[in-house]
Amino acid sequence: MTLAQISVGHGARIQQVGGSGALRRRLLEMGLTPKTKVTIRKVAPLGDPLELSLRGYSLTLRKEDAALIEVEAANA
């Protein structure tokens, strides 16, 4: 399951961050690291981007980038 597949209001724990090069490094620098708990807060009207809550802050991420992050569903 990827982060892009999680519904609004639900949480997940990051298992693996995909991608390569600068994109992967950027995702990791934004705090999207393995074992981090993430909650989907909002989705834009057309389904992209997603607003996430993690580590006490909010982050907006494109859906195609969220699809690179493998997660395990968890209760929010």
PDB file of N, CA and C in Angstrom:
ATOM      1  N   MET A   1       0.859  -1.177   0.000  1.00  0.00           N
ATOM      2  CA  MET A   1       0.000   0.000   0.000  1.00  0.00           C
ATOM      3  C   MET A   1       0.901   1.235   0.000  1.00  0.00           C
ATOM      4  N   THR A   2       0.469   2.283  -0.718  1.00  0.00           N
ATOM      5  CA  THR A   2       1.261   3.516  -0.732  1.00  0.00           C
ATOM      6  C   THR A   2       0.524   4.637   0.000  1.00  0.00           C
ATOM      7  N   LEU A   3       1.246   5.680   0.307  1.00  0.00           N
ATOM      8  CA  LEU A   3       0.667   6.820   1.019  1.00  0.00           C
ATOM      9  C   LEU A   3      -0.467   7.454   0.216  1.00  0.00           C
ATOM     10  N   ALA A   4      -0.399   7.398  -1.103  1.00  0.00           N
ATOM     11  CA  ALA A   4      -1.430   7.976  -1.958  1.00  0.00           C
ATOM     12  C   ALA A   4      -2.755   7.226  -1.849  1.00  0.00           C
ATOM     13  N   GLN A   5      -2.740   6.015  -1.325  1.00  0.00           N
ATOM     14  CA  GLN A   5      -3.946   5.186  -1.223  1.00  0.00           C
ATOM     15  C   GLN A   5      -4.652   5.322   0.124  1.00  0.00           C
ATOM     16  N   ILE A   6      -4.087   6.054   1.056  1.00  0.00           N
ATOM     17  CA  ILE A   6      -4.679   6.227   2.384  1.00  0.00           C
ATOM     18  C   ILE A   6      -5.785   7.282   2.305  1.00  0.00           C
ATOM     19  N   SER A   7      -6.903   7.039   2.961  1.00  0.00           N
ATOM     20  CA  SER A   7      -8.037   7.969   2.949  1.00  0.00           C
ATOM     21  C   SER A   7      -7.844   9.098   3.952  1.00  0.00           C
ATOM     22  N   VAL A   8      -8.567  10.190   3.731  1.00  0.00           N
ATOM     23  CA  VAL A   8      -8.523  11.344   4.632  1.00  0.00           C
ATOM     24  C   VAL A   8      -8.939  10.912   6.035  1.00  0.00           C
ATOM     25  N   GLY A   9      -8.173  11.365   7.019  1.00  0.00           N
ATOM     26  CA  GLY A   9      -8.466  11.061   8.413  1.00  0.00           C
ATOM     27  C   GLY A   9      -7.829   9.780   8.914  1.00  0.00           C
ATOM     28  N   HIS A  10      -7.233   9.030   8.017  1.00  0.00           N
ATOM     29  CA  HIS A  10      -6.594   7.777   8.410  1.00  0.00           C
ATOM     30  C   HIS A  10      -5.078   7.957   8.506  1.00  0.00           C
ATOM     31  N   GLY A  11      -4.480   7.101   9.292  1.00  0.00           N
ATOM     32  CA  GLY A  11      -3.040   7.184   9.497  1.00  0.00           C
ATOM     33  C   GLY A  11      -2.319   5.977   8.943  1.00  0.00           C
ATOM     34  N   ALA A  12      -1.011   6.125   8.879  1.00  0.00           N
ATOM     35  CA  ALA A  12      -0.165   5.042   8.386  1.00  0.00           C
ATOM     36  C   ALA A  12       1.237   5.238   8.942  1.00  0.00           C
ATOM     37  N   ARG A  13       2.002   4.164   8.902  1.00  0.00           N
ATOM     38  CA  ARG A  13       3.400   4.235   9.307  1.00  0.00           C
ATOM     39  C   ARG A  13       4.247   3.956   8.058  1.00  0.00           C
ATOM     40  N   ILE A  14       5.204   4.829   7.788  1.00  0.00           N
ATOM     41  CA  ILE A  14       6.046   4.690   6.598  1.00  0.00           C
ATOM     42  C   ILE A  14       6.943   3.469   6.748  1.00  0.00           C
ATOM     43  N   GLN A  15       6.969   2.656   5.701  1.00  0.00           N
ATOM     44  CA  GLN A  15       7.834   1.482   5.696  1.00  0.00           C
ATOM     45  C   GLN A  15       9.067   1.696   4.824  1.00  0.00           C
ATOM     46  N   GLN A  16       8.844   2.322   3.659  1.00  0.00           N
ATOM     47  CA  GLN A  16       9.959   2.498   2.730  1.00  0.00           C
ATOM     48  C   GLN A  16       9.692   3.716   1.853  1.00  0.00           C
ATOM     49  N   VAL A  17      10.729   4.472   1.580  1.00  0.00           N
ATOM     50  CA  VAL A  17      10.618   5.629   0.697  1.00  0.00           C
ATOM     51  C   VAL A  17      11.275   5.268  -0.628  1.00  0.00           C
ATOM     52  N   GLY A  18      10.490   5.291  -1.681  1.00  0.00           N
ATOM     53  CA  GLY A  18      11.000   4.945  -3.004  1.00  0.00           C
ATOM     54  C   GLY A  18      11.544   6.163  -3.718  1.00  0.00           C
ATOM     55  N   GLY A  19      11.622   6.069  -5.030  1.00  0.00           N
ATOM     56  CA  GLY A  19      12.171   7.150  -5.824  1.00  0.00           C
ATOM     57  C   GLY A  19      13.680   7.009  -5.892  1.00  0.00           C
ATOM     58  N   SER A  20      14.295   7.986  -6.511  1.00  0.00           N
ATOM     59  CA  SER A  20      15.752   7.940  -6.616  1.00  0.00           C
ATOM     60  C   SER A  20      16.304   9.353  -6.670  1.00  0.00           C
ATOM     61  N   GLY A  21      17.593   9.458  -6.426  1.00  0.00           N
ATOM     62  CA  GLY A  21      18.303  10.722  -6.557  1.00  0.00           C
ATOM     63  C   GLY A  21      17.741  11.842  -5.710  1.00  0.00           C
ATOM     64  N   ALA A  22      17.632  13.027  -6.337  1.00  0.00           N
ATOM     65  CA  ALA A  22      17.225  14.235  -5.623  1.00  0.00           C
ATOM     66  C   ALA A  22      15.813  14.137  -5.053  1.00  0.00           C
ATOM     67  N   LEU A  23      14.910  13.469  -5.766  1.00  0.00           N
ATOM     68  CA  LEU A  23      13.538  13.347  -5.263  1.00  0.00           C
ATOM     69  C   LEU A  23      13.508  12.544  -3.969  1.00  0.00           C
ATOM     70  N   ARG A  24      14.171  11.393  -3.947  1.00  0.00           N
ATOM     71  CA  ARG A  24      14.193  10.564  -2.739  1.00  0.00           C
ATOM     72  C   ARG A  24      14.841  11.319  -1.579  1.00  0.00           C
ATOM     73  N   ARG A  25      15.946  12.003  -1.854  1.00  0.00           N
ATOM     74  CA  ARG A  25      16.632  12.770  -0.813  1.00  0.00           C
ATOM     75  C   ARG A  25      15.713  13.867  -0.263  1.00  0.00           C
ATOM     76  N   ARG A  26      14.982  14.527  -1.157  1.00  0.00           N
ATOM     77  CA  ARG A  26      14.068  15.602  -0.740  1.00  0.00           C
ATOM     78  C   ARG A  26      12.956  15.046   0.149  1.00  0.00           C
ATOM     79  N   LEU A  27      12.392  13.900  -0.209  1.00  0.00           N
ATOM     80  CA  LEU A  27      11.344  13.291   0.621  1.00  0.00           C
ATOM     81  C   LEU A  27      11.880  12.973   2.007  1.00  0.00           C
ATOM     82  N   LEU A  28      13.080  12.426   2.084  1.00  0.00           N
ATOM     83  CA  LEU A  28      13.687  12.096   3.381  1.00  0.00           C
ATOM     84  C   LEU A  28      13.971  13.355   4.187  1.00  0.00           C
ATOM     85  N   GLU A  29      14.436  14.417   3.521  1.00  0.00           N
ATOM     86  CA  GLU A  29      14.728  15.681   4.216  1.00  0.00           C
ATOM     87  C   GLU A  29      13.464  16.325   4.771  1.00  0.00           C
ATOM     88  N   MET A  30      12.321  16.064   4.137  1.00  0.00           N
ATOM     89  CA  MET A  30      11.056  16.621   4.625  1.00  0.00           C
ATOM     90  C   MET A  30      10.523  15.837   5.815  1.00  0.00           C
ATOM     91  N   GLY A  31      11.226  14.802   6.232  1.00  0.00           N
ATOM     92  CA  GLY A  31      10.822  14.038   7.407  1.00  0.00           C
ATOM     93  C   GLY A  31      10.062  12.769   7.095  1.00  0.00           C
ATOM     94  N   LEU A  32       9.952  12.437   5.837  1.00  0.00           N
ATOM     95  CA  LEU A  32       9.239  11.227   5.434  1.00  0.00           C
ATOM     96  C   LEU A  32      10.196  10.038   5.492  1.00  0.00           C
ATOM     97  N   THR A  33      10.537   9.643   6.690  1.00  0.00           N
ATOM     98  CA  THR A  33      11.502   8.569   6.898  1.00  0.00           C
ATOM     99  C   THR A  33      10.791   7.320   7.411  1.00  0.00           C
ATOM    100  N   PRO A  34      11.386   6.152   7.229  1.00  0.00           N
ATOM    101  CA  PRO A  34      10.770   4.917   7.707  1.00  0.00           C
ATOM    102  C   PRO A  34      10.422   4.987   9.203  1.00  0.00           C
ATOM    103  N   LYS A  35       9.321   4.358   9.559  1.00  0.00           N
ATOM    104  CA  LYS A  35       8.767   4.259  10.913  1.00  0.00           C
ATOM    105  C   LYS A  35       8.061   5.536  11.381  1.00  0.00           C
ATOM    106  N   THR A  36       7.994   6.577  10.532  1.00  0.00           N
ATOM    107  CA  THR A  36       7.295   7.805  10.900  1.00  0.00           C
ATOM    108  C   THR A  36       5.799   7.610  10.715  1.00  0.00           C
ATOM    109  N   LYS A  37       5.015   8.061  11.696  1.00  0.00           N
ATOM    110  CA  LYS A  37       3.561   7.970  11.624  1.00  0.00           C
ATOM    111  C   LYS A  37       3.034   9.200  10.890  1.00  0.00           C
ATOM    112  N   VAL A  38       2.165   8.979   9.907  1.00  0.00           N
ATOM    113  CA  VAL A  38       1.632  10.038   9.052  1.00  0.00           C
ATOM    114  C   VAL A  38       0.108   9.928   9.033  1.00  0.00           C
ATOM    115  N   THR A  39      -0.571  11.087   9.057  1.00  0.00           N
ATOM    116  CA  THR A  39      -2.025  11.118   8.932  1.00  0.00           C
ATOM    117  C   THR A  39      -2.389  11.997   7.743  1.00  0.00           C
ATOM    118  N   ILE A  40      -3.324  11.534   6.933  1.00  0.00           N
ATOM    119  CA  ILE A  40      -3.804  12.336   5.805  1.00  0.00           C
ATOM    120  C   ILE A  40      -4.852  13.300   6.358  1.00  0.00           C
ATOM    121  N   ARG A  41      -4.605  14.605   6.261  1.00  0.00           N
ATOM    122  CA  ARG A  41      -5.528  15.608   6.811  1.00  0.00           C
ATOM    123  C   ARG A  41      -6.531  16.088   5.785  1.00  0.00           C
ATOM    124  N   LYS A  42      -6.071  16.385   4.571  1.00  0.00           N
ATOM    125  CA  LYS A  42      -6.960  16.919   3.539  1.00  0.00           C
ATOM    126  C   LYS A  42      -6.477  16.461   2.167  1.00  0.00           C
ATOM    127  N   VAL A  43      -7.401  16.486   1.232  1.00  0.00           N
ATOM    128  CA  VAL A  43      -7.053  16.248  -0.172  1.00  0.00           C
ATOM    129  C   VAL A  43      -7.691  17.381  -0.968  1.00  0.00           C
ATOM    130  N   ALA A  44      -6.958  17.959  -1.897  1.00  0.00           N
ATOM    131  CA  ALA A  44      -7.487  19.045  -2.728  1.00  0.00           C
ATOM    132  C   ALA A  44      -8.679  18.536  -3.535  1.00  0.00           C
ATOM    133  N   PRO A  45      -9.562  19.446  -3.966  1.00  0.00           N
ATOM    134  CA  PRO A  45     -10.787  19.053  -4.662  1.00  0.00           C
ATOM    135  C   PRO A  45     -10.576  18.126  -5.862  1.00  0.00           C
ATOM    136  N   LEU A  46      -9.510  18.267  -6.579  1.00  0.00           N
ATOM    137  CA  LEU A  46      -9.260  17.390  -7.728  1.00  0.00           C
ATOM    138  C   LEU A  46      -8.402  16.183  -7.356  1.00  0.00           C
ATOM    139  N   GLY A  47      -8.182  15.969  -6.055  1.00  0.00           N
ATOM    140  CA  GLY A  47      -7.460  14.792  -5.586  1.00  0.00           C
ATOM    141  C   GLY A  47      -5.955  14.944  -5.488  1.00  0.00           C
ATOM    142  N   ASP A  48      -5.440  16.111  -5.760  1.00  0.00           N
ATOM    143  CA  ASP A  48      -4.003  16.338  -5.707  1.00  0.00           C
ATOM    144  C   ASP A  48      -3.746  17.799  -5.429  1.00  0.00           C
ATOM    145  N   PRO A  49      -2.966  18.222  -4.494  1.00  0.00           N
ATOM    146  CA  PRO A  49      -2.091  17.449  -3.625  1.00  0.00           C
ATOM    147  C   PRO A  49      -2.785  16.957  -2.352  1.00  0.00           C
ATOM    148  N   LEU A  50      -2.000  16.299  -1.497  1.00  0.00           N
ATOM    149  CA  LEU A  50      -2.468  15.788  -0.214  1.00  0.00           C
ATOM    150  C   LEU A  50      -1.837  16.627   0.891  1.00  0.00           C
ATOM    151  N   GLU A  51      -2.585  16.867   1.958  1.00  0.00           N
ATOM    152  CA  GLU A  51      -2.002  17.518   3.133  1.00  0.00           C
ATOM    153  C   GLU A  51      -1.818  16.465   4.202  1.00  0.00           C
ATOM    154  N   LEU A  52      -0.599  16.334   4.672  1.00  0.00           N
ATOM    155  CA  LEU A  52      -0.232  15.331   5.661  1.00  0.00           C
ATOM    156  C   LEU A  52       0.082  15.982   6.989  1.00  0.00           C
ATOM    157  N   SER A  53      -0.060  15.227   8.047  1.00  0.00           N
ATOM    158  CA  SER A  53       0.389  15.649   9.365  1.00  0.00           C
ATOM    159  C   SER A  53       1.395  14.609   9.844  1.00  0.00           C
ATOM    160  N   LEU A  54       2.579  15.073  10.194  1.00  0.00           N
ATOM    161  CA  LEU A  54       3.614  14.185  10.722  1.00  0.00           C
ATOM    162  C   LEU A  54       4.553  14.979  11.618  1.00  0.00           C
ATOM    163  N   ARG A  55       5.072  14.330  12.637  1.00  0.00           N
ATOM    164  CA  ARG A  55       6.060  14.944  13.541  1.00  0.00           C
ATOM    165  C   ARG A  55       5.627  16.309  14.078  1.00  0.00           C
ATOM    166  N   GLY A  56       4.327  16.561  14.195  1.00  0.00           N
ATOM    167  CA  GLY A  56       3.840  17.820  14.744  1.00  0.00           C
ATOM    168  C   GLY A  56       3.755  18.961  13.748  1.00  0.00           C
ATOM    169  N   TYR A  57       3.913  18.697  12.473  1.00  0.00           N
ATOM    170  CA  TYR A  57       3.749  19.747  11.475  1.00  0.00           C
ATOM    171  C   TYR A  57       2.970  19.209  10.278  1.00  0.00           C
ATOM    172  N   SER A  58       2.548  20.140   9.425  1.00  0.00           N
ATOM    173  CA  SER A  58       1.789  19.774   8.230  1.00  0.00           C
ATOM    174  C   SER A  58       2.685  19.876   7.008  1.00  0.00           C
ATOM    175  N   LEU A  59       2.418  19.029   6.045  1.00  0.00           N
ATOM    176  CA  LEU A  59       3.217  18.969   4.832  1.00  0.00           C
ATOM    177  C   LEU A  59       2.285  18.701   3.669  1.00  0.00           C
ATOM    178  N   THR A  60       2.475  19.395   2.570  1.00  0.00           N
ATOM    179  CA  THR A  60       1.687  19.154   1.360  1.00  0.00           C
ATOM    180  C   THR A  60       2.568  18.419   0.357  1.00  0.00           C
ATOM    181  N   LEU A  61       1.997  17.373  -0.220  1.00  0.00           N
ATOM    182  CA  LEU A  61       2.775  16.499  -1.090  1.00  0.00           C
ATOM    183  C   LEU A  61       1.956  16.140  -2.321  1.00  0.00           C
ATOM    184  N   ARG A  62       2.602  16.155  -3.499  1.00  0.00           N
ATOM    185  CA  ARG A  62       1.909  15.728  -4.715  1.00  0.00           C
ATOM    186  C   ARG A  62       1.557  14.245  -4.615  1.00  0.00           C
ATOM    187  N   LYS A  63       0.440  13.881  -5.214  1.00  0.00           N
ATOM    188  CA  LYS A  63      -0.017  12.495  -5.148  1.00  0.00           C
ATOM    189  C   LYS A  63       0.983  11.548  -5.813  1.00  0.00           C
ATOM    190  N   GLU A  64       1.603  11.979  -6.898  1.00  0.00           N
ATOM    191  CA  GLU A  64       2.577  11.103  -7.565  1.00  0.00           C
ATOM    192  C   GLU A  64       3.798  10.853  -6.686  1.00  0.00           C
ATOM    193  N   ASP A  65       4.167  11.826  -5.851  1.00  0.00           N
ATOM    194  CA  ASP A  65       5.273  11.612  -4.911  1.00  0.00           C
ATOM    195  C   ASP A  65       4.825  10.716  -3.754  1.00  0.00           C
ATOM    196  N   ALA A  66       3.583  10.889  -3.300  1.00  0.00           N
ATOM    197  CA  ALA A  66       3.051  10.046  -2.228  1.00  0.00           C
ATOM    198  C   ALA A  66       2.977   8.588  -2.664  1.00  0.00           C
ATOM    199  N   ALA A  67       2.812   8.365  -3.963  1.00  0.00           N
ATOM    200  CA  ALA A  67       2.737   6.994  -4.478  1.00  0.00           C
ATOM    201  C   ALA A  67       4.087   6.277  -4.399  1.00  0.00           C
ATOM    202  N   LEU A  68       5.152   7.010  -4.141  1.00  0.00           N
ATOM    203  CA  LEU A  68       6.488   6.406  -4.019  1.00  0.00           C
ATOM    204  C   LEU A  68       6.781   5.943  -2.601  1.00  0.00           C
ATOM    205  N   ILE A  69       5.879   6.262  -1.661  1.00  0.00           N
ATOM    206  CA  ILE A  69       6.122   5.959  -0.251  1.00  0.00           C
ATOM    207  C   ILE A  69       5.251   4.781   0.172  1.00  0.00           C
ATOM    208  N   GLU A  70       5.891   3.681   0.512  1.00  0.00           N
ATOM    209  CA  GLU A  70       5.167   2.499   0.970  1.00  0.00           C
ATOM    210  C   GLU A  70       4.858   2.649   2.449  1.00  0.00           C
ATOM    211  N   VAL A  71       3.612   2.330   2.803  1.00  0.00           N
ATOM    212  CA  VAL A  71       3.171   2.489   4.189  1.00  0.00           C
ATOM    213  C   VAL A  71       2.408   1.255   4.663  1.00  0.00           C
ATOM    214  N   GLU A  72       2.268   1.192   5.961  1.00  0.00           N
ATOM    215  CA  GLU A  72       1.427   0.181   6.596  1.00  0.00           C
ATOM    216  C   GLU A  72       0.300   0.944   7.267  1.00  0.00           C
ATOM    217  N   ALA A  73      -0.931   0.614   6.934  1.00  0.00           N
ATOM    218  CA  ALA A  73      -2.080   1.333   7.494  1.00  0.00           C
ATOM    219  C   ALA A  73      -2.099   1.187   9.010  1.00  0.00           C
ATOM    220  N   ALA A  74      -2.490   2.267   9.690  1.00  0.00           N
ATOM    221  CA  ALA A  74      -2.602   2.268  11.148  1.00  0.00           C
ATOM    222  C   ALA A  74      -3.802   3.110  11.520  1.00  0.00           C
ATOM    223  N   ASN A  75      -4.290   2.955  12.714  1.00  0.00           N
ATOM    224  CA  ASN A  75      -5.388   3.799  13.184  1.00  0.00           C
ATOM    225  C   ASN A  75      -4.845   5.173  13.486  1.00  0.00           C
ATOM    226  N   ALA A  76      -5.567   6.231  13.048  1.00  0.00           N
ATOM    227  CA  ALA A  76      -5.119   7.612  13.256  1.00  0.00           C
ATOM    228  C   ALA A  76      -5.378   8.068  14.662  1.00  0.00           C
TER     229      ALA A  76
END
